[in-house]
Amino acid sequence: MPLVQLIYVSSACRELSDEELDHILESSIRHNTQQGITGVLLYTNGSFMQVIEGEEAAIEETYSRICDDDRHKDIFLLSKEAIAKRDFPRWAMGFRRLSRGEFESHPAYAPFLPDGFDAERIGAQPGVATEMLRQFSGA
């Protein structure tokens, strides 16, 4: 079966606590392990950026579940494409909560992170989402 990579940005309905983020991560790892999905979730200032990779049916089901999750809104699909190999094979779901200091240490990404992930600016620069996910996840 061909692999698919999907990247989206969304806004949390409210700032999430570390405990809530841990719950999301645990649930994602459990589900993704069962579905053969890998990926990374970044969170900052009430904003998410996530990449998921796997077989198309599993990615479609997972993305549909994400879209129905009432913890976030304004979901913006940045890309969905067939891939030959996974960019993030190490994690059922890698996670990183980013601080303002981490943005400042990567000034090239500053225009994309004014108060969270700016979906329109990121979407207008093909490849920048994948670069940011790699950079901030350590992949």
N, C-alpha and C. Protein backbone atom coordinates (compact mmCIF):
# COMPACT_ATOMS: atom_id res chain seq x y z
N MET A 1 0.84 -1.19 0.00
CA MET A 1 0.00 0.00 0.00
C MET A 1 0.88 1.25 0.00
N PRO A 2 0.53 2.24 -0.81
CA PRO A 2 1.31 3.48 -0.83
C PRO A 2 1.16 4.27 0.47
N LEU A 3 2.22 5.00 0.77
CA LEU A 3 2.21 5.84 1.97
C LEU A 3 1.76 7.25 1.62
N VAL A 4 1.14 7.89 2.61
CA VAL A 4 0.67 9.26 2.48
C VAL A 4 1.20 10.06 3.66
N GLN A 5 1.56 11.31 3.40
CA GLN A 5 1.93 12.24 4.47
C GLN A 5 0.93 13.39 4.45
N LEU A 6 0.41 13.72 5.62
CA LEU A 6 -0.56 14.81 5.76
C LEU A 6 -0.06 15.76 6.84
N ILE A 7 -0.10 17.07 6.55
CA ILE A 7 0.32 18.09 7.52
C ILE A 7 -0.80 19.11 7.64
N TYR A 8 -1.14 19.45 8.89
CA TYR A 8 -2.16 20.47 9.12
C TYR A 8 -1.74 21.38 10.27
N VAL A 9 -2.42 22.52 10.35
CA VAL A 9 -2.28 23.46 11.46
C VAL A 9 -3.68 23.69 12.00
N SER A 10 -3.80 23.86 13.32
CA SER A 10 -5.09 24.19 13.93
C SER A 10 -4.88 25.04 15.17
N SER A 11 -5.97 25.58 15.68
CA SER A 11 -5.94 26.38 16.90
C SER A 11 -6.70 25.66 18.00
N ALA A 12 -6.11 25.61 19.18
CA ALA A 12 -6.80 25.05 20.34
C ALA A 12 -7.94 25.98 20.72
N CYS A 13 -9.03 25.41 21.21
CA CYS A 13 -10.17 26.23 21.64
C CYS A 13 -9.81 27.06 22.87
N ARG A 14 -8.78 26.62 23.58
CA ARG A 14 -8.24 27.35 24.73
C ARG A 14 -6.83 26.82 24.97
N GLU A 15 -6.06 27.55 25.75
CA GLU A 15 -4.70 27.09 26.09
C GLU A 15 -4.82 25.77 26.85
N LEU A 16 -4.04 24.78 26.46
CA LEU A 16 -4.11 23.46 27.07
C LEU A 16 -3.02 23.28 28.12
N SER A 17 -3.37 22.59 29.19
CA SER A 17 -2.41 22.32 30.26
C SER A 17 -1.46 21.21 29.83
N ASP A 18 -0.36 21.08 30.56
CA ASP A 18 0.58 20.00 30.28
C ASP A 18 -0.12 18.65 30.42
N GLU A 19 -1.00 18.52 31.41
CA GLU A 19 -1.73 17.27 31.62
C GLU A 19 -2.62 16.94 30.41
N GLU A 20 -3.32 17.94 29.88
CA GLU A 20 -4.16 17.72 28.71
C GLU A 20 -3.33 17.35 27.49
N LEU A 21 -2.19 18.01 27.32
CA LEU A 21 -1.30 17.68 26.21
C LEU A 21 -0.75 16.27 26.35
N ASP A 22 -0.42 15.86 27.58
CA ASP A 22 0.06 14.49 27.81
C ASP A 22 -1.02 13.48 27.45
N HIS A 23 -2.28 13.79 27.77
CA HIS A 23 -3.39 12.89 27.44
C HIS A 23 -3.54 12.75 25.92
N ILE A 24 -3.45 13.87 25.21
CA ILE A 24 -3.52 13.84 23.74
C ILE A 24 -2.39 12.98 23.18
N LEU A 25 -1.19 13.17 23.70
CA LEU A 25 -0.03 12.42 23.23
C LEU A 25 -0.21 10.92 23.49
N GLU A 26 -0.63 10.55 24.69
CA GLU A 26 -0.82 9.13 25.02
C GLU A 26 -1.86 8.49 24.12
N SER A 27 -2.97 9.18 23.90
CA SER A 27 -4.03 8.68 23.04
C SER A 27 -3.54 8.54 21.60
N SER A 28 -2.79 9.53 21.13
CA SER A 28 -2.26 9.49 19.76
C SER A 28 -1.29 8.33 19.58
N ILE A 29 -0.41 8.13 20.53
CA ILE A 29 0.55 7.03 20.44
C ILE A 29 -0.18 5.70 20.38
N ARG A 30 -1.17 5.52 21.22
CA ARG A 30 -1.93 4.26 21.26
C ARG A 30 -2.62 4.03 19.90
N HIS A 31 -3.34 5.02 19.42
CA HIS A 31 -4.05 4.89 18.15
C HIS A 31 -3.08 4.70 16.99
N ASN A 32 -2.05 5.53 16.92
CA ASN A 32 -1.13 5.48 15.80
C ASN A 32 -0.36 4.16 15.73
N THR A 33 -0.01 3.62 16.88
CA THR A 33 0.67 2.32 16.92
C THR A 33 -0.22 1.25 16.30
N GLN A 34 -1.49 1.26 16.66
CA GLN A 34 -2.44 0.27 16.11
C GLN A 34 -2.64 0.45 14.61
N GLN A 35 -2.57 1.68 14.12
CA GLN A 35 -2.85 1.98 12.71
C GLN A 35 -1.59 2.06 11.84
N GLY A 36 -0.41 1.89 12.43
CA GLY A 36 0.83 1.97 11.65
C GLY A 36 1.14 3.39 11.19
N ILE A 37 0.74 4.38 11.99
CA ILE A 37 0.95 5.79 11.67
C ILE A 37 2.14 6.32 12.46
N THR A 38 2.94 7.15 11.81
CA THR A 38 4.02 7.85 12.49
C THR A 38 3.81 9.34 12.31
N GLY A 39 4.48 10.14 13.14
CA GLY A 39 4.35 11.58 12.98
C GLY A 39 4.89 12.37 14.14
N VAL A 40 4.63 13.68 14.07
CA VAL A 40 5.10 14.63 15.08
C VAL A 40 4.02 15.67 15.30
N LEU A 41 3.83 16.06 16.56
CA LEU A 41 2.90 17.12 16.93
C LEU A 41 3.69 18.22 17.62
N LEU A 42 3.57 19.45 17.10
CA LEU A 42 4.16 20.62 17.75
C LEU A 42 3.04 21.47 18.31
N TYR A 43 3.28 22.09 19.48
CA TYR A 43 2.28 22.93 20.12
C TYR A 43 2.94 24.19 20.65
N THR A 44 2.31 25.32 20.37
CA THR A 44 2.78 26.59 20.92
C THR A 44 1.66 27.60 20.94
N ASN A 45 1.57 28.37 21.99
CA ASN A 45 0.62 29.48 22.09
C ASN A 45 -0.78 29.11 21.62
N GLY A 46 -1.27 27.94 22.01
CA GLY A 46 -2.62 27.54 21.62
C GLY A 46 -2.76 27.11 20.17
N SER A 47 -1.66 26.74 19.55
CA SER A 47 -1.66 26.38 18.14
C SER A 47 -0.94 25.05 17.94
N PHE A 48 -1.48 24.22 17.04
CA PHE A 48 -0.89 22.92 16.72
C PHE A 48 -0.38 22.90 15.29
N MET A 49 0.70 22.17 15.07
CA MET A 49 1.10 21.74 13.73
C MET A 49 1.41 20.26 13.87
N GLN A 50 0.83 19.46 12.97
CA GLN A 50 1.04 18.03 13.06
C GLN A 50 1.26 17.44 11.67
N VAL A 51 2.15 16.44 11.63
CA VAL A 51 2.35 15.62 10.45
C VAL A 51 2.01 14.19 10.84
N ILE A 52 1.26 13.51 9.97
CA ILE A 52 1.00 12.08 10.16
C ILE A 52 1.33 11.37 8.85
N GLU A 53 1.88 10.17 8.98
CA GLU A 53 2.31 9.39 7.82
C GLU A 53 1.83 7.95 7.99
N GLY A 54 1.39 7.37 6.90
CA GLY A 54 0.95 5.97 6.93
C GLY A 54 0.16 5.63 5.69
N GLU A 55 -0.50 4.48 5.73
CA GLU A 55 -1.32 4.08 4.61
C GLU A 55 -2.51 5.03 4.49
N GLU A 56 -2.95 5.27 3.26
CA GLU A 56 -3.96 6.30 3.01
C GLU A 56 -5.24 6.11 3.82
N ALA A 57 -5.77 4.90 3.90
CA ALA A 57 -7.01 4.68 4.64
C ALA A 57 -6.84 5.05 6.12
N ALA A 58 -5.71 4.69 6.71
CA ALA A 58 -5.45 5.01 8.12
C ALA A 58 -5.29 6.52 8.30
N ILE A 59 -4.65 7.19 7.36
CA ILE A 59 -4.47 8.64 7.45
C ILE A 59 -5.82 9.35 7.31
N GLU A 60 -6.65 8.90 6.37
CA GLU A 60 -7.98 9.51 6.19
C GLU A 60 -8.82 9.36 7.45
N GLU A 61 -8.82 8.17 8.04
CA GLU A 61 -9.61 7.93 9.26
C GLU A 61 -9.10 8.79 10.40
N THR A 62 -7.79 8.86 10.55
CA THR A 62 -7.20 9.64 11.64
C THR A 62 -7.46 11.12 11.45
N TYR A 63 -7.31 11.62 10.24
CA TYR A 63 -7.56 13.05 9.99
C TYR A 63 -9.03 13.39 10.22
N SER A 64 -9.92 12.52 9.85
CA SER A 64 -11.35 12.74 10.09
C SER A 64 -11.62 12.83 11.59
N ARG A 65 -11.00 11.94 12.36
CA ARG A 65 -11.15 11.96 13.83
C ARG A 65 -10.59 13.25 14.41
N ILE A 66 -9.45 13.70 13.88
CA ILE A 66 -8.84 14.96 14.32
C ILE A 66 -9.78 16.13 14.04
N CYS A 67 -10.37 16.14 12.85
CA CYS A 67 -11.28 17.24 12.47
C CYS A 67 -12.53 17.28 13.36
N ASP A 68 -12.94 16.12 13.88
CA ASP A 68 -14.11 16.05 14.76
C ASP A 68 -13.79 16.34 16.22
N ASP A 69 -12.53 16.49 16.57
CA ASP A 69 -12.11 16.71 17.96
C ASP A 69 -12.43 18.15 18.36
N ASP A 70 -13.23 18.31 19.40
CA ASP A 70 -13.68 19.66 19.80
C ASP A 70 -12.65 20.44 20.62
N ARG A 71 -11.45 19.90 20.79
CA ARG A 71 -10.41 20.64 21.51
C ARG A 71 -9.71 21.65 20.62
N HIS A 72 -9.97 21.58 19.31
CA HIS A 72 -9.36 22.56 18.43
C HIS A 72 -10.30 22.95 17.29
N LYS A 73 -9.93 24.02 16.61
CA LYS A 73 -10.77 24.59 15.55
C LYS A 73 -9.85 25.17 14.47
N ASP A 74 -10.46 25.74 13.45
CA ASP A 74 -9.70 26.39 12.37
C ASP A 74 -8.62 25.47 11.81
N ILE A 75 -9.01 24.26 11.48
CA ILE A 75 -8.07 23.29 10.93
C ILE A 75 -7.77 23.67 9.49
N PHE A 76 -6.49 23.77 9.18
CA PHE A 76 -6.02 24.19 7.87
C PHE A 76 -5.10 23.11 7.33
N LEU A 77 -5.54 22.42 6.28
CA LEU A 77 -4.73 21.37 5.66
C LEU A 77 -3.63 22.02 4.84
N LEU A 78 -2.39 21.79 5.24
CA LEU A 78 -1.24 22.36 4.52
C LEU A 78 -0.83 21.50 3.34
N SER A 79 -0.81 20.19 3.53
CA SER A 79 -0.43 19.30 2.44
C SER A 79 -0.90 17.89 2.71
N LYS A 80 -1.14 17.19 1.64
CA LYS A 80 -1.42 15.75 1.68
C LYS A 80 -0.87 15.20 0.38
N GLU A 81 0.12 14.30 0.52
CA GLU A 81 0.76 13.78 -0.68
C GLU A 81 1.28 12.37 -0.48
N ALA A 82 1.39 11.66 -1.58
CA ALA A 82 1.99 10.33 -1.56
C ALA A 82 3.49 10.50 -1.32
N ILE A 83 4.05 9.59 -0.54
CA ILE A 83 5.49 9.62 -0.24
C ILE A 83 6.08 8.23 -0.47
N ALA A 84 7.35 8.20 -0.82
CA ALA A 84 8.04 6.94 -1.03
C ALA A 84 8.50 6.33 0.29
N LYS A 85 8.86 7.21 1.25
CA LYS A 85 9.29 6.74 2.57
C LYS A 85 8.90 7.79 3.61
N ARG A 86 8.84 7.36 4.84
CA ARG A 86 8.45 8.24 5.94
C ARG A 86 9.57 9.22 6.29
N ASP A 87 9.19 10.46 6.56
CA ASP A 87 10.15 11.45 7.05
C ASP A 87 10.32 11.37 8.56
N PHE A 88 9.34 10.79 9.27
CA PHE A 88 9.34 10.75 10.73
C PHE A 88 9.08 9.32 11.22
N PRO A 89 9.93 8.37 10.84
CA PRO A 89 9.67 6.96 11.14
C PRO A 89 9.90 6.55 12.60
N ARG A 90 10.58 7.40 13.36
CA ARG A 90 10.97 7.01 14.73
C ARG A 90 9.83 7.06 15.73
N TRP A 91 8.77 7.79 15.44
CA TRP A 91 7.75 8.02 16.46
C TRP A 91 6.35 7.62 16.02
N ALA A 92 5.63 6.91 16.91
CA ALA A 92 4.19 6.74 16.72
C ALA A 92 3.56 8.14 16.84
N MET A 93 4.15 8.98 17.70
CA MET A 93 3.79 10.40 17.75
C MET A 93 4.82 11.13 18.58
N GLY A 94 5.72 11.81 17.89
CA GLY A 94 6.67 12.68 18.57
C GLY A 94 5.93 13.93 19.03
N PHE A 95 6.43 14.59 20.05
CA PHE A 95 5.76 15.78 20.56
C PHE A 95 6.78 16.79 21.06
N ARG A 96 6.46 18.06 20.83
CA ARG A 96 7.29 19.14 21.37
C ARG A 96 6.42 20.35 21.64
N ARG A 97 6.51 20.86 22.86
CA ARG A 97 5.87 22.12 23.22
C ARG A 97 6.93 23.19 23.05
N LEU A 98 6.69 24.15 22.16
CA LEU A 98 7.69 25.14 21.82
C LEU A 98 7.50 26.43 22.61
N SER A 99 8.61 26.99 23.04
CA SER A 99 8.60 28.26 23.77
C SER A 99 9.01 29.39 22.83
N ARG A 100 8.75 30.61 23.22
CA ARG A 100 9.14 31.77 22.42
C ARG A 100 10.66 31.79 22.21
N GLY A 101 11.42 31.39 23.21
CA GLY A 101 12.88 31.36 23.09
C GLY A 101 13.35 30.44 21.98
N GLU A 102 12.64 29.33 21.78
CA GLU A 102 13.01 28.42 20.70
C GLU A 102 12.78 29.06 19.33
N PHE A 103 11.72 29.87 19.22
CA PHE A 103 11.48 30.58 17.96
C PHE A 103 12.60 31.58 17.71
N GLU A 104 12.98 32.29 18.75
CA GLU A 104 14.00 33.32 18.60
C GLU A 104 15.34 32.73 18.20
N SER A 105 15.58 31.46 18.54
CA SER A 105 16.83 30.82 18.14
C SER A 105 16.77 30.33 16.68
N HIS A 106 15.62 30.48 16.03
CA HIS A 106 15.44 30.11 14.63
C HIS A 106 14.77 31.28 13.91
N PRO A 107 15.49 32.37 13.70
CA PRO A 107 14.87 33.59 13.15
C PRO A 107 14.25 33.41 11.76
N ALA A 108 14.69 32.43 11.00
CA ALA A 108 14.09 32.21 9.67
C ALA A 108 12.62 31.81 9.77
N TYR A 109 12.23 31.24 10.92
CA TYR A 109 10.84 30.80 11.09
C TYR A 109 9.96 31.86 11.75
N ALA A 110 10.54 32.95 12.20
CA ALA A 110 9.79 33.99 12.91
C ALA A 110 8.55 34.47 12.15
N PRO A 111 8.61 34.69 10.83
CA PRO A 111 7.41 35.15 10.13
C PRO A 111 6.25 34.16 10.16
N PHE A 112 6.55 32.89 10.42
CA PHE A 112 5.52 31.86 10.43
C PHE A 112 4.96 31.60 11.83
N LEU A 113 5.50 32.27 12.84
CA LEU A 113 5.15 32.02 14.23
C LEU A 113 4.86 33.31 15.00
N PRO A 114 4.02 34.19 14.50
CA PRO A 114 3.81 35.44 15.23
C PRO A 114 3.16 35.22 16.60
N ASP A 115 2.11 34.43 16.64
CA ASP A 115 1.41 34.11 17.90
C ASP A 115 0.92 32.67 17.85
N GLY A 116 1.69 31.80 17.31
CA GLY A 116 1.30 30.43 17.02
C GLY A 116 1.67 30.17 15.58
N PHE A 117 1.23 29.06 15.04
CA PHE A 117 1.56 28.73 13.66
C PHE A 117 0.62 29.48 12.72
N ASP A 118 1.17 30.28 11.83
CA ASP A 118 0.38 31.05 10.87
C ASP A 118 0.15 30.17 9.64
N ALA A 119 -1.03 29.56 9.56
CA ALA A 119 -1.33 28.59 8.52
C ALA A 119 -1.20 29.16 7.12
N GLU A 120 -1.68 30.37 6.90
CA GLU A 120 -1.63 30.94 5.56
C GLU A 120 -0.19 31.20 5.11
N ARG A 121 0.63 31.73 5.99
CA ARG A 121 2.04 31.98 5.63
C ARG A 121 2.80 30.67 5.42
N ILE A 122 2.56 29.71 6.29
CA ILE A 122 3.24 28.42 6.16
C ILE A 122 2.79 27.75 4.86
N GLY A 123 1.48 27.78 4.59
CA GLY A 123 0.95 27.16 3.39
C GLY A 123 1.45 27.80 2.10
N ALA A 124 1.81 29.07 2.17
CA ALA A 124 2.29 29.78 0.99
C ALA A 124 3.75 29.46 0.66
N GLN A 125 4.43 28.78 1.54
CA GLN A 125 5.85 28.43 1.34
C GLN A 125 5.99 26.91 1.33
N PRO A 126 5.86 26.28 0.17
CA PRO A 126 5.96 24.82 0.11
C PRO A 126 7.25 24.31 0.77
N GLY A 127 7.09 23.29 1.58
CA GLY A 127 8.24 22.66 2.23
C GLY A 127 8.59 23.23 3.59
N VAL A 128 8.13 24.45 3.92
CA VAL A 128 8.52 25.05 5.19
C VAL A 128 7.91 24.30 6.38
N ALA A 129 6.71 23.76 6.23
CA ALA A 129 6.10 22.99 7.33
C ALA A 129 6.95 21.77 7.66
N THR A 130 7.36 21.04 6.65
CA THR A 130 8.20 19.86 6.87
C THR A 130 9.53 20.26 7.49
N GLU A 131 10.12 21.36 7.02
CA GLU A 131 11.38 21.84 7.60
C GLU A 131 11.21 22.17 9.08
N MET A 132 10.13 22.88 9.42
CA MET A 132 9.89 23.24 10.81
C MET A 132 9.67 22.01 11.67
N LEU A 133 8.89 21.06 11.18
CA LEU A 133 8.64 19.83 11.92
C LEU A 133 9.94 19.07 12.16
N ARG A 134 10.79 18.99 11.15
CA ARG A 134 12.08 18.32 11.32
C ARG A 134 12.95 19.06 12.32
N GLN A 135 13.05 20.37 12.16
CA GLN A 135 13.93 21.18 13.01
C GLN A 135 13.52 21.09 14.48
N PHE A 136 12.24 21.31 14.74
CA PHE A 136 11.80 21.37 16.13
C PHE A 136 11.60 20.00 16.78
N SER A 137 11.50 18.95 15.98
CA SER A 137 11.34 17.60 16.55
C SER A 137 12.68 16.89 16.71
N GLY A 138 13.71 17.43 16.06
CA GLY A 138 15.01 16.76 16.12
C GLY A 138 15.15 15.60 15.16
N ALA A 139 14.23 15.53 14.21
CA ALA A 139 14.26 14.40 13.24
C ALA A 139 15.43 14.55 12.28
